PDB file of N, CA and C in Angstrom:
ATOM      1  N   MET A   1      -9.116  34.423 -30.730  1.00  0.00           N
ATOM      2  CA  MET A   1     -10.142  34.399 -31.746  1.00  0.00           C
ATOM      3  C   MET A   1     -10.903  33.080 -31.767  1.00  0.00           C
ATOM      4  N   GLN A   2     -10.282  31.998 -31.310  1.00  0.00           N
ATOM      5  CA  GLN A   2     -10.961  30.708 -31.299  1.00  0.00           C
ATOM      6  C   GLN A   2     -12.133  30.725 -30.331  1.00  0.00           C
ATOM      7  N   ALA A   3     -11.979  31.414 -29.214  1.00  0.00           N
ATOM      8  CA  ALA A   3     -13.066  31.496 -28.240  1.00  0.00           C
ATOM      9  C   ALA A   3     -14.270  32.203 -28.848  1.00  0.00           C
ATOM     10  N   PHE A   4     -14.014  33.272 -29.608  1.00  0.00           N
ATOM     11  CA  PHE A   4     -15.120  33.995 -30.240  1.00  0.00           C
ATOM     12  C   PHE A   4     -15.807  33.147 -31.310  1.00  0.00           C
ATOM     13  N   ASP A   5     -15.019  32.360 -32.040  1.00  0.00           N
ATOM     14  CA  ASP A   5     -15.600  31.460 -33.047  1.00  0.00           C
ATOM     15  C   ASP A   5     -16.481  30.402 -32.381  1.00  0.00           C
ATOM     16  N   LEU A   6     -16.022  29.872 -31.232  1.00  0.00           N
ATOM     17  CA  LEU A   6     -16.796  28.880 -30.494  1.00  0.00           C
ATOM     18  C   LEU A   6     -18.111  29.467 -29.999  1.00  0.00           C
ATOM     19  N   ILE A   7     -18.035  30.712 -29.482  1.00  0.00           N
ATOM     20  CA  ILE A   7     -19.245  31.389 -28.999  1.00  0.00           C
ATOM     21  C   ILE A   7     -20.201  31.650 -30.157  1.00  0.00           C
ATOM     22  N   ALA A   8     -19.653  32.034 -31.303  1.00  0.00           N
ATOM     23  CA  ALA A   8     -20.507  32.321 -32.457  1.00  0.00           C
ATOM     24  C   ALA A   8     -21.190  31.058 -32.979  1.00  0.00           C
ATOM     25  N   GLU A   9     -20.486  29.932 -32.950  1.00  0.00           N
ATOM     26  CA  GLU A   9     -21.063  28.701 -33.477  1.00  0.00           C
ATOM     27  C   GLU A   9     -22.058  28.053 -32.509  1.00  0.00           C
ATOM     28  N   LEU A  10     -21.718  28.015 -31.206  1.00  0.00           N
ATOM     29  CA  LEU A  10     -22.535  27.273 -30.255  1.00  0.00           C
ATOM     30  C   LEU A  10     -23.448  28.154 -29.395  1.00  0.00           C
ATOM     31  N   GLY A  11     -23.084  29.384 -29.256  1.00  0.00           N
ATOM     32  CA  GLY A  11     -23.831  30.257 -28.354  1.00  0.00           C
ATOM     33  C   GLY A  11     -23.080  30.394 -27.036  1.00  0.00           C
ATOM     34  N   LEU A  12     -23.338  31.467 -26.346  1.00  0.00           N
ATOM     35  CA  LEU A  12     -22.604  31.771 -25.117  1.00  0.00           C
ATOM     36  C   LEU A  12     -22.840  30.751 -23.999  1.00  0.00           C
ATOM     37  N   PRO A  13     -24.051  30.327 -23.691  1.00  0.00           N
ATOM     38  CA  PRO A  13     -24.239  29.375 -22.575  1.00  0.00           C
ATOM     39  C   PRO A  13     -23.551  28.032 -22.819  1.00  0.00           C
ATOM     40  N   ILE A  14     -23.640  27.514 -24.028  1.00  0.00           N
ATOM     41  CA  ILE A  14     -23.019  26.218 -24.326  1.00  0.00           C
ATOM     42  C   ILE A  14     -21.498  26.339 -24.317  1.00  0.00           C
ATOM     43  N   ALA A  15     -20.950  27.389 -24.888  1.00  0.00           N
ATOM     44  CA  ALA A  15     -19.504  27.583 -24.914  1.00  0.00           C
ATOM     45  C   ALA A  15     -18.952  27.753 -23.498  1.00  0.00           C
ATOM     46  N   SER A  16     -19.641  28.552 -22.676  1.00  0.00           N
ATOM     47  CA  SER A  16     -19.157  28.738 -21.308  1.00  0.00           C
ATOM     48  C   SER A  16     -19.284  27.438 -20.512  1.00  0.00           C
ATOM     49  N   GLY A  17     -20.322  26.643 -20.774  1.00  0.00           N
ATOM     50  CA  GLY A  17     -20.465  25.345 -20.116  1.00  0.00           C
ATOM     51  C   GLY A  17     -19.331  24.397 -20.486  1.00  0.00           C
ATOM     52  N   LEU A  18     -18.944  24.391 -21.752  1.00  0.00           N
ATOM     53  CA  LEU A  18     -17.825  23.549 -22.179  1.00  0.00           C
ATOM     54  C   LEU A  18     -16.507  23.989 -21.540  1.00  0.00           C
ATOM     55  N   ILE A  19     -16.301  25.290 -21.449  1.00  0.00           N
ATOM     56  CA  ILE A  19     -15.070  25.809 -20.838  1.00  0.00           C
ATOM     57  C   ILE A  19     -15.042  25.455 -19.351  1.00  0.00           C
ATOM     58  N   MET A  20     -16.181  25.597 -18.656  1.00  0.00           N
ATOM     59  CA  MET A  20     -16.238  25.243 -17.237  1.00  0.00           C
ATOM     60  C   MET A  20     -16.020  23.747 -17.041  1.00  0.00           C
ATOM     61  N   ALA A  21     -16.582  22.935 -17.916  1.00  0.00           N
ATOM     62  CA  ALA A  21     -16.388  21.484 -17.818  1.00  0.00           C
ATOM     63  C   ALA A  21     -14.915  21.120 -17.988  1.00  0.00           C
ATOM     64  N   TYR A  22     -14.220  21.812 -18.877  1.00  0.00           N
ATOM     65  CA  TYR A  22     -12.794  21.563 -19.071  1.00  0.00           C
ATOM     66  C   TYR A  22     -12.000  21.918 -17.819  1.00  0.00           C
ATOM     67  N   PHE A  23     -12.308  23.042 -17.194  1.00  0.00           N
ATOM     68  CA  PHE A  23     -11.602  23.423 -15.972  1.00  0.00           C
ATOM     69  C   PHE A  23     -11.918  22.465 -14.824  1.00  0.00           C
ATOM     70  N   ILE A  24     -13.146  22.005 -14.741  1.00  0.00           N
ATOM     71  CA  ILE A  24     -13.497  21.019 -13.712  1.00  0.00           C
ATOM     72  C   ILE A  24     -12.730  19.722 -13.960  1.00  0.00           C
ATOM     73  N   PHE A  25     -12.607  19.339 -15.232  1.00  0.00           N
ATOM     74  CA  PHE A  25     -11.824  18.152 -15.573  1.00  0.00           C
ATOM     75  C   PHE A  25     -10.372  18.305 -15.126  1.00  0.00           C
ATOM     76  N   LEU A  26      -9.776  19.473 -15.375  1.00  0.00           N
ATOM     77  CA  LEU A  26      -8.389  19.696 -14.966  1.00  0.00           C
ATOM     78  C   LEU A  26      -8.222  19.621 -13.448  1.00  0.00           C
ATOM     79  N   VAL A  27      -9.153  20.225 -12.715  1.00  0.00           N
ATOM     80  CA  VAL A  27      -9.073  20.186 -11.249  1.00  0.00           C
ATOM     81  C   VAL A  27      -9.219  18.757 -10.741  1.00  0.00           C
ATOM     82  N   MET A  28     -10.173  18.021 -11.270  1.00  0.00           N
ATOM     83  CA  MET A  28     -10.371  16.631 -10.844  1.00  0.00           C
ATOM     84  C   MET A  28      -9.157  15.765 -11.176  1.00  0.00           C
ATOM     85  N   LYS A  29      -8.547  16.018 -12.317  1.00  0.00           N
ATOM     86  CA  LYS A  29      -7.354  15.254 -12.699  1.00  0.00           C
ATOM     87  C   LYS A  29      -6.217  15.497 -11.714  1.00  0.00           C
ATOM     88  N   GLN A  30      -6.001  16.741 -11.312  1.00  0.00           N
ATOM     89  CA  GLN A  30      -4.960  17.049 -10.340  1.00  0.00           C
ATOM     90  C   GLN A  30      -5.258  16.414  -8.985  1.00  0.00           C
ATOM     91  N   LEU A  31      -6.514  16.453  -8.565  1.00  0.00           N
ATOM     92  CA  LEU A  31      -6.889  15.831  -7.293  1.00  0.00           C
ATOM     93  C   LEU A  31      -6.659  14.325  -7.325  1.00  0.00           C
ATOM     94  N   MET A  32      -7.052  13.694  -8.406  1.00  0.00           N
ATOM     95  CA  MET A  32      -6.884  12.247  -8.515  1.00  0.00           C
ATOM     96  C   MET A  32      -5.410  11.851  -8.561  1.00  0.00           C
ATOM     97  N   ASP A  33      -4.590  12.628  -9.236  1.00  0.00           N
ATOM     98  CA  ASP A  33      -3.160  12.329  -9.271  1.00  0.00           C
ATOM     99  C   ASP A  33      -2.571  12.390  -7.871  1.00  0.00           C
ATOM    100  N   GLY A  34      -2.987  13.365  -7.084  1.00  0.00           N
ATOM    101  CA  GLY A  34      -2.514  13.469  -5.705  1.00  0.00           C
ATOM    102  C   GLY A  34      -2.988  12.305  -4.856  1.00  0.00           C
ATOM    103  N   LEU A  35      -4.238  11.876  -5.052  1.00  0.00           N
ATOM    104  CA  LEU A  35      -4.766  10.752  -4.286  1.00  0.00           C
ATOM    105  C   LEU A  35      -4.069   9.449  -4.639  1.00  0.00           C
ATOM    106  N   VAL A  36      -3.794   9.250  -5.899  1.00  0.00           N
ATOM    107  CA  VAL A  36      -3.118   8.020  -6.322  1.00  0.00           C
ATOM    108  C   VAL A  36      -1.736   7.934  -5.695  1.00  0.00           C
ATOM    109  N   SER A  37      -1.000   9.029  -5.661  1.00  0.00           N
ATOM    110  CA  SER A  37       0.329   8.995  -5.060  1.00  0.00           C
ATOM    111  C   SER A  37       0.246   8.752  -3.552  1.00  0.00           C
ATOM    112  N   GLU A  38      -0.765   9.319  -2.882  1.00  0.00           N
ATOM    113  CA  GLU A  38      -0.931   9.078  -1.449  1.00  0.00           C
ATOM    114  C   GLU A  38      -1.318   7.624  -1.176  1.00  0.00           C
ATOM    115  N   ILE A  39      -2.165   7.045  -2.008  1.00  0.00           N
ATOM    116  CA  ILE A  39      -2.557   5.648  -1.841  1.00  0.00           C
ATOM    117  C   ILE A  39      -1.356   4.733  -2.036  1.00  0.00           C
ATOM    118  N   GLN A  40      -0.518   5.030  -3.009  1.00  0.00           N
ATOM    119  CA  GLN A  40       0.679   4.221  -3.232  1.00  0.00           C
ATOM    120  C   GLN A  40       1.630   4.312  -2.039  1.00  0.00           C
ATOM    121  N   THR A  41       1.721   5.489  -1.430  1.00  0.00           N
ATOM    122  CA  THR A  41       2.560   5.649  -0.245  1.00  0.00           C
ATOM    123  C   THR A  41       2.022   4.817   0.905  1.00  0.00           C
ATOM    124  N   VAL A  42       0.710   4.844   1.111  1.00  0.00           N
ATOM    125  CA  VAL A  42       0.102   4.062   2.195  1.00  0.00           C
ATOM    126  C   VAL A  42       0.294   2.567   1.941  1.00  0.00           C
ATOM    127  N   GLN A  43       0.186   2.134   0.697  1.00  0.00           N
ATOM    128  CA  GLN A  43       0.404   0.727   0.378  1.00  0.00           C
ATOM    129  C   GLN A  43       1.835   0.308   0.684  1.00  0.00           C
ATOM    130  N   ALA A  44       2.795   1.146   0.331  1.00  0.00           N
ATOM    131  CA  ALA A  44       4.196   0.821   0.593  1.00  0.00           C
ATOM    132  C   ALA A  44       4.452   0.730   2.094  1.00  0.00           C
ATOM    133  N   ILE A  45       3.887   1.655   2.862  1.00  0.00           N
ATOM    134  CA  ILE A  45       4.064   1.629   4.313  1.00  0.00           C
ATOM    135  C   ILE A  45       3.426   0.369   4.897  1.00  0.00           C
ATOM    136  N   SER A  46       2.260  -0.013   4.391  1.00  0.00           N
ATOM    137  CA  SER A  46       1.580  -1.222   4.879  1.00  0.00           C
ATOM    138  C   SER A  46       2.413  -2.470   4.601  1.00  0.00           C
ATOM    139  N   LYS A  47       2.992  -2.562   3.416  1.00  0.00           N
ATOM    140  CA  LYS A  47       3.835  -3.712   3.091  1.00  0.00           C
ATOM    141  C   LYS A  47       5.054  -3.766   3.998  1.00  0.00           C
ATOM    142  N   MET A  48       5.653  -2.612   4.281  1.00  0.00           N
ATOM    143  CA  MET A  48       6.806  -2.590   5.180  1.00  0.00           C
ATOM    144  C   MET A  48       6.411  -3.037   6.584  1.00  0.00           C
ATOM    145  N   LEU A  49       5.239  -2.614   7.055  1.00  0.00           N
ATOM    146  CA  LEU A  49       4.784  -3.014   8.387  1.00  0.00           C
ATOM    147  C   LEU A  49       4.503  -4.511   8.459  1.00  0.00           C
ATOM    148  N   ILE A  50       3.946  -5.077   7.410  1.00  0.00           N
ATOM    149  CA  ILE A  50       3.697  -6.521   7.379  1.00  0.00           C
ATOM    150  C   ILE A  50       5.012  -7.285   7.443  1.00  0.00           C
ATOM    151  N   THR A  51       6.006  -6.822   6.698  1.00  0.00           N
ATOM    152  CA  THR A  51       7.315  -7.472   6.721  1.00  0.00           C
ATOM    153  C   THR A  51       7.946  -7.357   8.094  1.00  0.00           C
ATOM    154  N   ARG A  52       7.831  -6.188   8.726  1.00  0.00           N
ATOM    155  CA  ARG A  52       8.385  -6.022  10.072  1.00  0.00           C
ATOM    156  C   ARG A  52       7.690  -6.917  11.076  1.00  0.00           C
ATOM    157  N   ALA A  53       6.388  -7.070  10.948  1.00  0.00           N
ATOM    158  CA  ALA A  53       5.647  -7.932  11.877  1.00  0.00           C
ATOM    159  C   ALA A  53       6.085  -9.386  11.740  1.00  0.00           C
ATOM    160  N   SER A  54       6.267  -9.845  10.504  1.00  0.00           N
ATOM    161  CA  SER A  54       6.707 -11.232  10.321  1.00  0.00           C
ATOM    162  C   SER A  54       8.132 -11.423  10.822  1.00  0.00           C
ATOM    163  N   THR A  55       8.985 -10.434  10.613  1.00  0.00           N
ATOM    164  CA  THR A  55      10.348 -10.508  11.126  1.00  0.00           C
ATOM    165  C   THR A  55      10.341 -10.512  12.648  1.00  0.00           C
ATOM    166  N   MET A  56       9.486  -9.688  13.243  1.00  0.00           N
ATOM    167  CA  MET A  56       9.380  -9.645  14.694  1.00  0.00           C
ATOM    168  C   MET A  56       8.898 -10.986  15.235  1.00  0.00           C
ATOM    169  N   ASN A  57       7.974 -11.621  14.533  1.00  0.00           N
ATOM    170  CA  ASN A  57       7.497 -12.932  14.948  1.00  0.00           C
ATOM    171  C   ASN A  57       8.636 -13.936  14.951  1.00  0.00           C
ATOM    172  N   ASN A  58       9.456 -13.917  13.903  1.00  0.00           N
ATOM    173  CA  ASN A  58      10.613 -14.813  13.846  1.00  0.00           C
ATOM    174  C   ASN A  58      11.599 -14.516  14.967  1.00  0.00           C
ATOM    175  N   ASP A  59      11.813 -13.237  15.260  1.00  0.00           N
ATOM    176  CA  ASP A  59      12.722 -12.872  16.349  1.00  0.00           C
ATOM    177  C   ASP A  59      12.186 -13.325  17.699  1.00  0.00           C
ATOM    178  N   MET A  60      10.873 -13.187  17.903  1.00  0.00           N
ATOM    179  CA  MET A  60      10.273 -13.625  19.168  1.00  0.00           C
ATOM    180  C   MET A  60      10.421 -15.136  19.341  1.00  0.00           C
ATOM    181  N   ILE A  61      10.259 -15.884  18.274  1.00  0.00           N
ATOM    182  CA  ILE A  61      10.428 -17.338  18.354  1.00  0.00           C
ATOM    183  C   ILE A  61      11.872 -17.689  18.673  1.00  0.00           C
ATOM    184  N   ARG A  62      12.804 -16.966  18.053  1.00  0.00           N
ATOM    185  CA  ARG A  62      14.225 -17.227  18.319  1.00  0.00           C
ATOM    186  C   ARG A  62      14.560 -16.917  19.775  1.00  0.00           C
ATOM    187  N   ILE A  63      14.040 -15.805  20.295  1.00  0.00           N
ATOM    188  CA  ILE A  63      14.291 -15.443  21.691  1.00  0.00           C
ATOM    189  C   ILE A  63      13.637 -16.464  22.624  1.00  0.00           C
ATOM    190  N   ASP A  64      12.403 -16.860  22.310  1.00  0.00           N
ATOM    191  CA  ASP A  64      11.702 -17.852  23.127  1.00  0.00           C
ATOM    192  C   ASP A  64      12.471 -19.166  23.156  1.00  0.00           C
ATOM    193  N   THR A  65      12.986 -19.588  22.023  1.00  0.00           N
ATOM    194  CA  THR A  65      13.761 -20.827  21.965  1.00  0.00           C
ATOM    195  C   THR A  65      15.052 -20.700  22.754  1.00  0.00           C
ATOM    196  N   SER A  66      15.707 -19.554  22.648  1.00  0.00           N
ATOM    197  CA  SER A  66      16.957 -19.343  23.385  1.00  0.00           C
ATOM    198  C   SER A  66      16.722 -19.337  24.889  1.00  0.00           C
ATOM    199  N   VAL A  67      15.669 -18.655  25.325  1.00  0.00           N
ATOM    200  CA  VAL A  67      15.363 -18.597  26.757  1.00  0.00           C
ATOM    201  C   VAL A  67      14.958 -19.979  27.271  1.00  0.00           C
ATOM    202  N   SER A  68      14.151 -20.674  26.498  1.00  0.00           N
ATOM    203  CA  SER A  68      13.752 -22.029  26.895  1.00  0.00           C
ATOM    204  C   SER A  68      14.961 -22.937  27.024  1.00  0.00           C
ATOM    205  N   SER A  69      15.888 -22.821  26.083  1.00  0.00           N
ATOM    206  CA  SER A  69      17.106 -23.633  26.134  1.00  0.00           C
ATOM    207  C   SER A  69      17.960 -23.259  27.333  1.00  0.00           C
ATOM    208  N   ALA A  70      18.070 -21.980  27.613  1.00  0.00           N
ATOM    209  CA  ALA A  70      18.888 -21.536  28.745  1.00  0.00           C
ATOM    210  C   ALA A  70      18.299 -21.973  30.085  1.00  0.00           C
ATOM    211  N   LEU A  71      16.986 -22.032  30.173  1.00  0.00           N
ATOM    212  CA  LEU A  71      16.321 -22.437  31.413  1.00  0.00           C
ATOM    213  C   LEU A  71      16.108 -23.941  31.500  1.00  0.00           C
ATOM    214  N   GLY A  72      16.483 -24.652  30.458  1.00  0.00           N
ATOM    215  CA  GLY A  72      16.340 -26.101  30.464  1.00  0.00           C
ATOM    216  C   GLY A  72      14.920 -26.569  30.206  1.00  0.00           C
ATOM    217  N   LEU A  73      14.100 -25.724  29.596  1.00  0.00           N
ATOM    218  CA  LEU A  73      12.722 -26.070  29.269  1.00  0.00           C
ATOM    219  C   LEU A  73      12.636 -26.516  27.819  1.00  0.00           C
ATOM    220  N   SER A  74      11.621 -27.306  27.504  1.00  0.00           N
ATOM    221  CA  SER A  74      11.454 -27.692  26.100  1.00  0.00           C
ATOM    222  C   SER A  74      10.731 -26.559  25.368  1.00  0.00           C
ATOM    223  N   PRO A  75      11.218 -26.179  24.203  1.00  0.00           N
ATOM    224  CA  PRO A  75      10.565 -25.086  23.455  1.00  0.00           C
ATOM    225  C   PRO A  75       9.212 -25.536  22.906  1.00  0.00           C
ATOM    226  N   ASP A  76       8.365 -24.572  22.611  1.00  0.00           N
ATOM    227  CA  ASP A  76       7.041 -24.844  22.056  1.00  0.00           C
ATOM    228  C   ASP A  76       7.199 -25.208  20.574  1.00  0.00           C
ATOM    229  N   LEU A  77       7.243 -26.507  20.302  1.00  0.00           N
ATOM    230  CA  LEU A  77       7.521 -26.969  18.938  1.00  0.00           C
ATOM    231  C   LEU A  77       6.380 -26.658  17.975  1.00  0.00           C
ATOM    232  N   GLU A  78       5.157 -26.622  18.467  1.00  0.00           N
ATOM    233  CA  GLU A  78       4.032 -26.294  17.585  1.00  0.00           C
ATOM    234  C   GLU A  78       4.131 -24.866  17.084  1.00  0.00           C
ATOM    235  N   ARG A  79       4.520 -23.961  17.953  1.00  0.00           N
ATOM    236  CA  ARG A  79       4.678 -22.558  17.556  1.00  0.00           C
ATOM    237  C   ARG A  79       5.803 -22.412  16.531  1.00  0.00           C
ATOM    238  N   ILE A  80       6.889 -23.123  16.757  1.00  0.00           N
ATOM    239  CA  ILE A  80       8.019 -23.060  15.829  1.00  0.00           C
ATOM    240  C   ILE A  80       7.611 -23.643  14.475  1.00  0.00           C
ATOM    241  N   ALA A  81       6.874 -24.742  14.485  1.00  0.00           N
ATOM    242  CA  ALA A  81       6.448 -25.370  13.230  1.00  0.00           C
ATOM    243  C   ALA A  81       5.491 -24.475  12.460  1.00  0.00           C
ATOM    244  N   ARG A  82       4.607 -23.755  13.171  1.00  0.00           N
ATOM    245  CA  ARG A  82       3.686 -22.849  12.476  1.00  0.00           C
ATOM    246  C   ARG A  82       4.431 -21.702  11.812  1.00  0.00           C
ATOM    247  N   ALA A  83       5.433 -21.178  12.461  1.00  0.00           N
ATOM    248  CA  ALA A  83       6.147 -20.011  11.942  1.00  0.00           C
ATOM    249  C   ALA A  83       7.208 -20.386  10.926  1.00  0.00           C
ATOM    250  N   GLU A  84       7.612 -21.644  10.911  1.00  0.00           N
ATOM    251  CA  GLU A  84       8.700 -22.049  10.027  1.00  0.00           C
ATOM    252  C   GLU A  84       8.325 -21.934   8.561  1.00  0.00           C
ATOM    253  N   ASN A  85       7.067 -22.146   8.244  1.00  0.00           N
ATOM    254  CA  ASN A  85       6.621 -22.087   6.857  1.00  0.00           C
ATOM    255  C   ASN A  85       5.766 -20.862   6.610  1.00  0.00           C
ATOM    256  N   PHE A  86       6.184 -19.731   7.102  1.00  0.00           N
ATOM    257  CA  PHE A  86       5.465 -18.483   6.909  1.00  0.00           C
ATOM    258  C   PHE A  86       5.405 -18.170   5.428  1.00  0.00           C
ATOM    259  N   VAL A  87       4.206 -17.957   4.895  1.00  0.00           N
ATOM    260  CA  VAL A  87       4.017 -17.710   3.461  1.00  0.00           C
ATOM    261  C   VAL A  87       3.643 -16.250   3.257  1.00  0.00           C
ATOM    262  N   GLU A  88       4.411 -15.573   2.428  1.00  0.00           N
ATOM    263  CA  GLU A  88       4.124 -14.175   2.086  1.00  0.00           C
ATOM    264  C   GLU A  88       4.288 -14.020   0.593  1.00  0.00           C
ATOM    265  N   ASP A  89       3.278 -13.490  -0.062  1.00  0.00           N
ATOM    266  CA  ASP A  89       3.291 -13.292  -1.516  1.00  0.00           C
ATOM    267  C   ASP A  89       3.493 -14.605  -2.272  1.00  0.00           C
ATOM    268  N   GLY A  90       2.962 -15.706  -1.727  1.00  0.00           N
ATOM    269  CA  GLY A  90       3.049 -16.982  -2.410  1.00  0.00           C
ATOM    270  C   GLY A  90       4.388 -17.674  -2.284  1.00  0.00           C
ATOM    271  N   LYS A  91       5.334 -17.087  -1.548  1.00  0.00           N
ATOM    272  CA  LYS A  91       6.647 -17.689  -1.365  1.00  0.00           C
ATOM    273  C   LYS A  91       6.817 -18.098   0.083  1.00  0.00           C
ATOM    274  N   ILE A  92       7.401 -19.257   0.312  1.00  0.00           N
ATOM    275  CA  ILE A  92       7.649 -19.696   1.679  1.00  0.00           C
ATOM    276  C   ILE A  92       8.895 -18.984   2.193  1.00  0.00           C
ATOM    277  N   ASP A  93       8.780 -18.476   3.414  1.00  0.00           N
ATOM    278  CA  ASP A  93       9.905 -17.788   4.038  1.00  0.00           C
ATOM    279  C   ASP A  93      10.971 -18.828   4.376  1.00  0.00           C
ATOM    280  N   ALA A  94      12.080 -18.796   3.656  1.00  0.00           N
ATOM    281  CA  ALA A  94      13.119 -19.810   3.798  1.00  0.00           C
ATOM    282  C   ALA A  94      14.192 -19.423   4.808  1.00  0.00           C
ATOM    283  N   ARG A  95      14.044 -18.270   5.457  1.00  0.00           N
ATOM    284  CA  ARG A  95      15.065 -17.865   6.428  1.00  0.00           C
ATOM    285  C   ARG A  95      15.015 -18.794   7.631  1.00  0.00           C
ATOM    286  N   ARG A  96      16.148 -19.147   8.107  1.00  0.00           N
ATOM    287  CA  ARG A  96      16.240 -19.980   9.316  1.00  0.00           C
ATOM    288  C   ARG A  96      16.980 -19.160  10.367  1.00  0.00           C
ATOM    289  N   ASP A  97      16.201 -18.445  11.158  1.00  0.00           N
ATOM    290  CA  ASP A  97      16.795 -17.562  12.168  1.00  0.00           C
ATOM    291  C   ASP A  97      17.393 -18.358  13.304  1.00  0.00           C
TER     292      ASP A  97
END
């Protein structure tokens, strides 16, 4: 009965326009909720990849230093110094691999 009261007060074109606008709002809300969850997933994956890349960099430096030591070569101290103070999220990476 509420639908008939709305039609009687506003007229059929305006009432149907309001009902269609409400359904469009519901569809857009569902689409946006799905997009937000997908964006959050992509952000989490990106953060994990950044962490893996920095860890891989530390591992490569450790391997390079080990190989240099085993071969009796001097390690690249500039590369080690650059990686030693790796900053992520405003915090200095304090790990000493």
